[in-house]
PDB file of N, CA and C in Angstrom:
ATOM      1  N   GLN A   1      98.357  50.478 -86.851  1.00  0.00           N
ATOM      2  CA  GLN A   1      97.447  50.649 -87.957  1.00  0.00           C
ATOM      3  C   GLN A   1      96.049  50.269 -87.507  1.00  0.00           C
ATOM      4  N   GLY A   2      95.082  51.041 -87.942  1.00  0.00           N
ATOM      5  CA  GLY A   2      93.705  50.705 -87.646  1.00  0.00           C
ATOM      6  C   GLY A   2      92.948  51.756 -86.870  1.00  0.00           C
ATOM      7  N   GLU A   3      93.665  52.713 -86.298  1.00  0.00           N
ATOM      8  CA  GLU A   3      93.005  53.722 -85.474  1.00  0.00           C
ATOM      9  C   GLU A   3      91.934  54.477 -86.257  1.00  0.00           C
ATOM     10  N   ASN A   4      92.239  54.875 -87.491  1.00  0.00           N
ATOM     11  CA  ASN A   4      91.258  55.591 -88.305  1.00  0.00           C
ATOM     12  C   ASN A   4      90.077  54.712 -88.668  1.00  0.00           C
ATOM     13  N   ASN A   5      90.308  53.439 -88.879  1.00  0.00           N
ATOM     14  CA  ASN A   5      89.235  52.519 -89.228  1.00  0.00           C
ATOM     15  C   ASN A   5      88.257  52.319 -88.079  1.00  0.00           C
ATOM     16  N   ALA A   6      88.727  52.470 -86.852  1.00  0.00           N
ATOM     17  CA  ALA A   6      87.894  52.210 -85.676  1.00  0.00           C
ATOM     18  C   ALA A   6      86.711  53.159 -85.579  1.00  0.00           C
ATOM     19  N   ASN A   7      86.816  54.306 -86.200  1.00  0.00           N
ATOM     20  CA  ASN A   7      85.744  55.294 -86.119  1.00  0.00           C
ATOM     21  C   ASN A   7      84.770  55.217 -87.288  1.00  0.00           C
ATOM     22  N   ARG A   8      84.889  54.202 -88.110  1.00  0.00           N
ATOM     23  CA  ARG A   8      84.051  54.081 -89.299  1.00  0.00           C
ATOM     24  C   ARG A   8      83.003  52.983 -89.125  1.00  0.00           C
ATOM     25  N   GLU A   9      81.897  53.158 -89.800  1.00  0.00           N
ATOM     26  CA  GLU A   9      80.837  52.140 -89.816  1.00  0.00           C
ATOM     27  C   GLU A   9      81.390  50.858 -90.438  1.00  0.00           C
ATOM     28  N   GLY A  10      81.081  49.728 -89.850  1.00  0.00           N
ATOM     29  CA  GLY A  10      81.540  48.446 -90.380  1.00  0.00           C
ATOM     30  C   GLY A  10      83.039  48.252 -90.241  1.00  0.00           C
ATOM     31  N   ALA A  11      83.598  48.745 -89.154  1.00  0.00           N
ATOM     32  CA  ALA A  11      85.049  48.740 -88.959  1.00  0.00           C
ATOM     33  C   ALA A  11      85.656  47.347 -89.084  1.00  0.00           C
ATOM     34  N   ARG A  12      85.020  46.357 -88.501  1.00  0.00           N
ATOM     35  CA  ARG A  12      85.612  45.013 -88.491  1.00  0.00           C
ATOM     36  C   ARG A  12      85.777  44.470 -89.899  1.00  0.00           C
ATOM     37  N   GLU A  13      84.709  44.478 -90.679  1.00  0.00           N
ATOM     38  CA  GLU A  13      84.767  43.891 -92.018  1.00  0.00           C
ATOM     39  C   GLU A  13      85.664  44.709 -92.944  1.00  0.00           C
ATOM     40  N   ALA A  14      85.574  46.025 -92.866  1.00  0.00           N
ATOM     41  CA  ALA A  14      86.405  46.873 -93.730  1.00  0.00           C
ATOM     42  C   ALA A  14      87.885  46.671 -93.424  1.00  0.00           C
ATOM     43  N   TYR A  15      88.235  46.661 -92.151  1.00  0.00           N
ATOM     44  CA  TYR A  15      89.645  46.507 -91.794  1.00  0.00           C
ATOM     45  C   TYR A  15      90.137  45.098 -92.122  1.00  0.00           C
ATOM     46  N   ARG A  16      89.300  44.102 -91.937  1.00  0.00           N
ATOM     47  CA  ARG A  16      89.690  42.731 -92.290  1.00  0.00           C
ATOM     48  C   ARG A  16      90.037  42.647 -93.772  1.00  0.00           C
ATOM     49  N   ARG A  17      89.203  43.224 -94.625  1.00  0.00           N
ATOM     50  CA  ARG A  17      89.478  43.224 -96.068  1.00  0.00           C
ATOM     51  C   ARG A  17      90.761  43.980 -96.389  1.00  0.00           C
ATOM     52  N   GLN A  18      90.950  45.132 -95.767  1.00  0.00           N
ATOM     53  CA  GLN A  18      92.141  45.942 -96.044  1.00  0.00           C
ATOM     54  C   GLN A  18      93.420  45.238 -95.600  1.00  0.00           C
ATOM     55  N   LEU A  19      93.403  44.666 -94.418  1.00  0.00           N
ATOM     56  CA  LEU A  19      94.598  43.992 -93.917  1.00  0.00           C
ATOM     57  C   LEU A  19      94.911  42.749 -94.750  1.00  0.00           C
ATOM     58  N   THR A  20      93.888  42.010 -95.150  1.00  0.00           N
ATOM     59  CA  THR A  20      94.091  40.842 -96.006  1.00  0.00           C
ATOM     60  C   THR A  20      94.702  41.262 -97.341  1.00  0.00           C
ATOM     61  N   ALA A  21      94.202  42.352 -97.918  1.00  0.00           N
ATOM     62  CA  ALA A  21      94.739  42.862 -99.186  1.00  0.00           C
ATOM     63  C   ALA A  21      96.180  43.340 -99.024  1.00  0.00           C
ATOM     64  N   LEU A  22      96.488  43.981 -97.904  1.00  0.00           N
ATOM     65  CA  LEU A  22      97.853  44.442 -97.648  1.00  0.00           C
ATOM     66  C   LEU A  22      98.823  43.259 -97.586  1.00  0.00           C
ATOM     67  N   LEU A  23      98.449  42.232 -96.845  1.00  0.00           N
ATOM     68  CA  LEU A  23      99.289  41.030 -96.758  1.00  0.00           C
ATOM     69  C   LEU A  23      99.528  40.447 -98.150  1.00  0.00           C
ATOM     70  N   ALA A  24      98.470  40.331 -98.926  1.00  0.00           N
ATOM     71  CA  ALA A  24      98.588  39.753-100.275  1.00  0.00           C
ATOM     72  C   ALA A  24      99.479  40.608-101.173  1.00  0.00           C
ATOM     73  N   SER A  25      99.317  41.922-101.102  1.00  0.00           N
ATOM     74  CA  SER A  25     100.114  42.782-101.982  1.00  0.00           C
ATOM     75  C   SER A  25     101.595  42.747-101.610  1.00  0.00           C
ATOM     76  N   TRP A  26     101.909  42.710-100.324  1.00  0.00           N
ATOM     77  CA  TRP A  26     103.317  42.636 -99.927  1.00  0.00           C
ATOM     78  C   TRP A  26     103.910  41.274-100.261  1.00  0.00           C
ATOM     79  N   ARG A  27     103.108  40.238-100.162  1.00  0.00           N
ATOM     80  CA  ARG A  27     103.619  38.914-100.533  1.00  0.00           C
ATOM     81  C   ARG A  27     103.825  38.811-102.031  1.00  0.00           C
ATOM     82  N   ASP A  28     102.976  39.445-102.823  1.00  0.00           N
ATOM     83  CA  ASP A  28     103.191  39.485-104.274  1.00  0.00           C
ATOM     84  C   ASP A  28     104.515  40.164-104.588  1.00  0.00           C
ATOM     85  N   ARG A  29     104.819  41.188-103.833  1.00  0.00           N
ATOM     86  CA  ARG A  29     106.019  41.979-104.090  1.00  0.00           C
ATOM     87  C   ARG A  29     107.291  41.346-103.529  1.00  0.00           C
ATOM     88  N   PHE A  30     107.213  40.769-102.320  1.00  0.00           N
ATOM     89  CA  PHE A  30     108.414  40.300-101.630  1.00  0.00           C
ATOM     90  C   PHE A  30     108.534  38.786-101.491  1.00  0.00           C
ATOM     91  N   GLY A  31     107.518  38.053-101.901  1.00  0.00           N
ATOM     92  CA  GLY A  31     107.580  36.597-101.834  1.00  0.00           C
ATOM     93  C   GLY A  31     106.383  36.008-101.121  1.00  0.00           C
ATOM     94  N   ALA A  32     105.864  34.925-101.692  1.00  0.00           N
ATOM     95  CA  ALA A  32     104.628  34.310-101.195  1.00  0.00           C
ATOM     96  C   ALA A  32     104.775  33.743 -99.787  1.00  0.00           C
ATOM     97  N   ASP A  33     105.988  33.464 -99.354  1.00  0.00           N
ATOM     98  CA  ASP A  33     106.183  32.858 -98.034  1.00  0.00           C
ATOM     99  C   ASP A  33     106.546  33.901 -96.969  1.00  0.00           C
ATOM    100  N   LEU A  34     106.257  35.183 -97.227  1.00  0.00           N
ATOM    101  CA  LEU A  34     106.578  36.244 -96.279  1.00  0.00           C
ATOM    102  C   LEU A  34     105.721  36.110 -95.018  1.00  0.00           C
ATOM    103  N   PRO A  35     106.338  35.873 -93.864  1.00  0.00           N
ATOM    104  CA  PRO A  35     105.561  35.769 -92.624  1.00  0.00           C
ATOM    105  C   PRO A  35     105.172  37.158 -92.121  1.00  0.00           C
ATOM    106  N   TRP A  36     104.154  37.213 -91.310  1.00  0.00           N
ATOM    107  CA  TRP A  36     103.655  38.472 -90.736  1.00  0.00           C
ATOM    108  C   TRP A  36     103.456  38.333 -89.244  1.00  0.00           C
ATOM    109  N   VAL A  37     103.739  39.399 -88.534  1.00  0.00           N
ATOM    110  CA  VAL A  37     103.344  39.522 -87.134  1.00  0.00           C
ATOM    111  C   VAL A  37     102.428  40.737 -87.066  1.00  0.00           C
ATOM    112  N   ILE A  38     101.210  40.515 -86.659  1.00  0.00           N
ATOM    113  CA  ILE A  38     100.216  41.578 -86.543  1.00  0.00           C
ATOM    114  C   ILE A  38     100.188  41.998 -85.079  1.00  0.00           C
ATOM    115  N   VAL A  39     100.527  43.261 -84.821  1.00  0.00           N
ATOM    116  CA  VAL A  39     100.496  43.778 -83.457  1.00  0.00           C
ATOM    117  C   VAL A  39      99.122  44.391 -83.240  1.00  0.00           C
ATOM    118  N   GLN A  40      98.392  43.789 -82.340  1.00  0.00           N
ATOM    119  CA  GLN A  40      97.013  44.190 -82.081  1.00  0.00           C
ATOM    120  C   GLN A  40      96.918  45.650 -81.642  1.00  0.00           C
ATOM    121  N   LEU A  41      95.878  46.312 -82.093  1.00  0.00           N
ATOM    122  CA  LEU A  41      95.621  47.693 -81.701  1.00  0.00           C
ATOM    123  C   LEU A  41      95.446  47.757 -80.187  1.00  0.00           C
ATOM    124  N   ALA A  42      96.266  48.570 -79.527  1.00  0.00           N
ATOM    125  CA  ALA A  42      96.231  48.665 -78.062  1.00  0.00           C
ATOM    126  C   ALA A  42      94.999  49.448 -77.600  1.00  0.00           C
ATOM    127  N   PRO A  43      94.513  49.183 -76.390  1.00  0.00           N
ATOM    128  CA  PRO A  43      93.371  49.919 -75.853  1.00  0.00           C
ATOM    129  C   PRO A  43      93.667  51.408 -75.736  1.00  0.00           C
ATOM    130  N   PHE A  44      92.624  52.191 -75.877  1.00  0.00           N
ATOM    131  CA  PHE A  44      92.746  53.637 -75.772  1.00  0.00           C
ATOM    132  C   PHE A  44      91.396  54.192 -75.361  1.00  0.00           C
ATOM    133  N   GLY A  45      91.403  55.186 -74.543  1.00  0.00           N
ATOM    134  CA  GLY A  45      90.158  55.859 -74.170  1.00  0.00           C
ATOM    135  C   GLY A  45      89.647  55.438 -72.808  1.00  0.00           C
ATOM    136  N   ARG A  46      88.526  55.982 -72.488  1.00  0.00           N
ATOM    137  CA  ARG A  46      87.900  55.795 -71.178  1.00  0.00           C
ATOM    138  C   ARG A  46      87.328  54.374 -71.033  1.00  0.00           C
ATOM    139  N   LEU A  47      87.549  53.777 -69.867  1.00  0.00           N
ATOM    140  CA  LEU A  47      86.945  52.482 -69.560  1.00  0.00           C
ATOM    141  C   LEU A  47      85.470  52.668 -69.244  1.00  0.00           C
ATOM    142  N   SER A  48      84.682  51.652 -69.556  1.00  0.00           N
ATOM    143  CA  SER A  48      83.253  51.697 -69.259  1.00  0.00           C
ATOM    144  C   SER A  48      82.904  50.521 -68.362  1.00  0.00           C
ATOM    145  N   ASP A  49      81.968  50.727 -67.455  1.00  0.00           N
ATOM    146  CA  ASP A  49      81.532  49.617 -66.614  1.00  0.00           C
ATOM    147  C   ASP A  49      80.323  48.903 -67.229  1.00  0.00           C
ATOM    148  N   GLN A  50      79.903  49.346 -68.421  1.00  0.00           N
ATOM    149  CA  GLN A  50      78.782  48.746 -69.130  1.00  0.00           C
ATOM    150  C   GLN A  50      79.233  48.284 -70.523  1.00  0.00           C
ATOM    151  N   PRO A  51      78.655  47.195 -71.023  1.00  0.00           N
ATOM    152  CA  PRO A  51      78.975  46.776 -72.390  1.00  0.00           C
ATOM    153  C   PRO A  51      78.554  47.856 -73.381  1.00  0.00           C
ATOM    154  N   LEU A  52      79.381  48.072 -74.401  1.00  0.00           N
ATOM    155  CA  LEU A  52      79.038  49.048 -75.425  1.00  0.00           C
ATOM    156  C   LEU A  52      79.748  48.714 -76.723  1.00  0.00           C
ATOM    157  N   GLU A  53      79.251  49.282 -77.818  1.00  0.00           N
ATOM    158  CA  GLU A  53      79.913  49.103 -79.102  1.00  0.00           C
ATOM    159  C   GLU A  53      81.235  49.856 -79.058  1.00  0.00           C
ATOM    160  N   ASN A  54      82.276  49.250 -79.623  1.00  0.00           N
ATOM    161  CA  ASN A  54      83.588  49.867 -79.568  1.00  0.00           C
ATOM    162  C   ASN A  54      84.336  49.560 -80.856  1.00  0.00           C
ATOM    163  N   GLY A  55      84.615  50.601 -81.628  1.00  0.00           N
ATOM    164  CA  GLY A  55      85.306  50.424 -82.901  1.00  0.00           C
ATOM    165  C   GLY A  55      86.701  49.850 -82.747  1.00  0.00           C
ATOM    166  N   TRP A  56      87.383  50.208 -81.652  1.00  0.00           N
ATOM    167  CA  TRP A  56      88.725  49.659 -81.431  1.00  0.00           C
ATOM    168  C   TRP A  56      88.656  48.147 -81.240  1.00  0.00           C
ATOM    169  N   ALA A  57      87.671  47.682 -80.513  1.00  0.00           N
ATOM    170  CA  ALA A  57      87.493  46.239 -80.332  1.00  0.00           C
ATOM    171  C   ALA A  57      87.170  45.567 -81.662  1.00  0.00           C
ATOM    172  N   GLU A  58      86.414  46.257 -82.518  1.00  0.00           N
ATOM    173  CA  GLU A  58      86.088  45.715 -83.841  1.00  0.00           C
ATOM    174  C   GLU A  58      87.353  45.544 -84.684  1.00  0.00           C
ATOM    175  N   VAL A  59      88.248  46.509 -84.638  1.00  0.00           N
ATOM    176  CA  VAL A  59      89.503  46.407 -85.384  1.00  0.00           C
ATOM    177  C   VAL A  59      90.367  45.282 -84.816  1.00  0.00           C
ATOM    178  N   ARG A  60      90.430  45.168 -83.493  1.00  0.00           N
ATOM    179  CA  ARG A  60      91.200  44.060 -82.888  1.00  0.00           C
ATOM    180  C   ARG A  60      90.636  42.708 -83.315  1.00  0.00           C
ATOM    181  N   GLU A  61      89.319  42.607 -83.397  1.00  0.00           N
ATOM    182  CA  GLU A  61      88.710  41.356 -83.842  1.00  0.00           C
ATOM    183  C   GLU A  61      89.072  41.084 -85.298  1.00  0.00           C
ATOM    184  N   ALA A  62      89.084  42.103 -86.134  1.00  0.00           N
ATOM    185  CA  ALA A  62      89.492  41.928 -87.533  1.00  0.00           C
ATOM    186  C   ALA A  62      90.932  41.440 -87.606  1.00  0.00           C
ATOM    187  N   GLN A  63      91.799  42.006 -86.791  1.00  0.00           N
ATOM    188  CA  GLN A  63      93.196  41.576 -86.768  1.00  0.00           C
ATOM    189  C   GLN A  63      93.293  40.109 -86.352  1.00  0.00           C
ATOM    190  N   ARG A  64      92.514  39.718 -85.372  1.00  0.00           N
ATOM    191  CA  ARG A  64      92.509  38.320 -84.927  1.00  0.00           C
ATOM    192  C   ARG A  64      92.038  37.386 -86.039  1.00  0.00           C
ATOM    193  N   LEU A  65      90.981  37.778 -86.731  1.00  0.00           N
ATOM    194  CA  LEU A  65      90.441  36.944 -87.804  1.00  0.00           C
ATOM    195  C   LEU A  65      91.435  36.767 -88.945  1.00  0.00           C
ATOM    196  N   VAL A  66      92.147  37.832 -89.297  1.00  0.00           N
ATOM    197  CA  VAL A  66      93.151  37.741 -90.359  1.00  0.00           C
ATOM    198  C   VAL A  66      94.281  36.816 -89.928  1.00  0.00           C
ATOM    199  N   ALA A  67      94.779  36.988 -88.722  1.00  0.00           N
ATOM    200  CA  ALA A  67      95.862  36.132 -88.231  1.00  0.00           C
ATOM    201  C   ALA A  67      95.426  34.670 -88.157  1.00  0.00           C
ATOM    202  N   GLU A  68      94.198  34.448 -87.746  1.00  0.00           N
ATOM    203  CA  GLU A  68      93.677  33.080 -87.642  1.00  0.00           C
ATOM    204  C   GLU A  68      93.557  32.414 -89.016  1.00  0.00           C
ATOM    205  N   ALA A  69      93.195  33.185 -90.039  1.00  0.00           N
ATOM    206  CA  ALA A  69      92.979  32.634 -91.381  1.00  0.00           C
ATOM    207  C   ALA A  69      94.263  32.475 -92.179  1.00  0.00           C
ATOM    208  N   ASP A  70      95.339  33.112 -91.757  1.00  0.00           N
ATOM    209  CA  ASP A  70      96.583  33.120 -92.522  1.00  0.00           C
ATOM    210  C   ASP A  70      97.618  32.255 -91.818  1.00  0.00           C
ATOM    211  N   PRO A  71      98.030  31.151 -92.435  1.00  0.00           N
ATOM    212  CA  PRO A  71      98.981  30.258 -91.768  1.00  0.00           C
ATOM    213  C   PRO A  71     100.371  30.862 -91.563  1.00  0.00           C
ATOM    214  N   LEU A  72     100.676  31.952 -92.244  1.00  0.00           N
ATOM    215  CA  LEU A  72     101.978  32.598 -92.087  1.00  0.00           C
ATOM    216  C   LEU A  72     101.905  33.862 -91.229  1.00  0.00           C
ATOM    217  N   ALA A  73     100.802  34.049 -90.546  1.00  0.00           N
ATOM    218  CA  ALA A  73     100.638  35.247 -89.711  1.00  0.00           C
ATOM    219  C   ALA A  73     100.419  34.854 -88.252  1.00  0.00           C
ATOM    220  N   GLU A  74     100.955  35.666 -87.384  1.00  0.00           N
ATOM    221  CA  GLU A  74     100.748  35.535 -85.943  1.00  0.00           C
ATOM    222  C   GLU A  74     100.309  36.889 -85.413  1.00  0.00           C
ATOM    223  N   MET A  75      99.684  36.888 -84.251  1.00  0.00           N
ATOM    224  CA  MET A  75      99.240  38.143 -83.663  1.00  0.00           C
ATOM    225  C   MET A  75      99.783  38.294 -82.251  1.00  0.00           C
ATOM    226  N   VAL A  76     100.237  39.505 -81.945  1.00  0.00           N
ATOM    227  CA  VAL A  76     100.680  39.858 -80.604  1.00  0.00           C
ATOM    228  C   VAL A  76      99.536  40.621 -79.950  1.00  0.00           C
ATOM    229  N   THR A  77      99.069  40.137 -78.817  1.00  0.00           N
ATOM    230  CA  THR A  77      97.980  40.782 -78.089  1.00  0.00           C
ATOM    231  C   THR A  77      98.545  41.901 -77.230  1.00  0.00           C
ATOM    232  N   THR A  78      97.864  43.056 -77.250  1.00  0.00           N
ATOM    233  CA  THR A  78      98.362  44.228 -76.522  1.00  0.00           C
ATOM    234  C   THR A  78      97.340  44.813 -75.572  1.00  0.00           C
ATOM    235  N   VAL A  79      96.349  44.025 -75.136  1.00  0.00           N
ATOM    236  CA  VAL A  79      95.318  44.569 -74.278  1.00  0.00           C
ATOM    237  C   VAL A  79      95.838  44.961 -72.894  1.00  0.00           C
ATOM    238  N   ASP A  80      97.063  44.556 -72.575  1.00  0.00           N
ATOM    239  CA  ASP A  80      97.632  44.913 -71.282  1.00  0.00           C
ATOM    240  C   ASP A  80      98.509  46.162 -71.339  1.00  0.00           C
ATOM    241  N   VAL A  81      98.550  46.823 -72.502  1.00  0.00           N
ATOM    242  CA  VAL A  81      99.293  48.077 -72.649  1.00  0.00           C
ATOM    243  C   VAL A  81      98.361  49.134 -73.182  1.00  0.00           C
ATOM    244  N   GLY A  82      98.826  50.315 -73.399  1.00  0.00           N
ATOM    245  CA  GLY A  82      97.987  51.367 -73.958  1.00  0.00           C
ATOM    246  C   GLY A  82      97.716  52.451 -72.938  1.00  0.00           C
ATOM    247  N   GLU A  83      96.929  53.424 -73.346  1.00  0.00           N
ATOM    248  CA  GLU A  83      96.618  54.559 -72.501  1.00  0.00           C
ATOM    249  C   GLU A  83      95.146  54.594 -72.171  1.00  0.00           C
ATOM    250  N   ARG A  84      94.804  54.571 -70.921  1.00  0.00           N
ATOM    251  CA  ARG A  84      93.412  54.675 -70.488  1.00  0.00           C
ATOM    252  C   ARG A  84      93.206  56.016 -69.890  1.00  0.00           C
TER     253      ARG A  84
END
């Protein structure tokens, strides 16, 4: 989840809000103590030798922020997999 968000303006903040709302809605439905594992968006696309803005990195940062703020959530990092 998040690939479509990566191409939008303000990807980090928008995805952070959406993922936080998703967690809350599922916990309302299935129980407040529902744990989550967030699988980080894997790298995709051409590598660059120069720093640049990257929507995929923005979504990964949003995923990290949500996992960090939620005591019942953990994140699996996937920067070592994906298609380059």
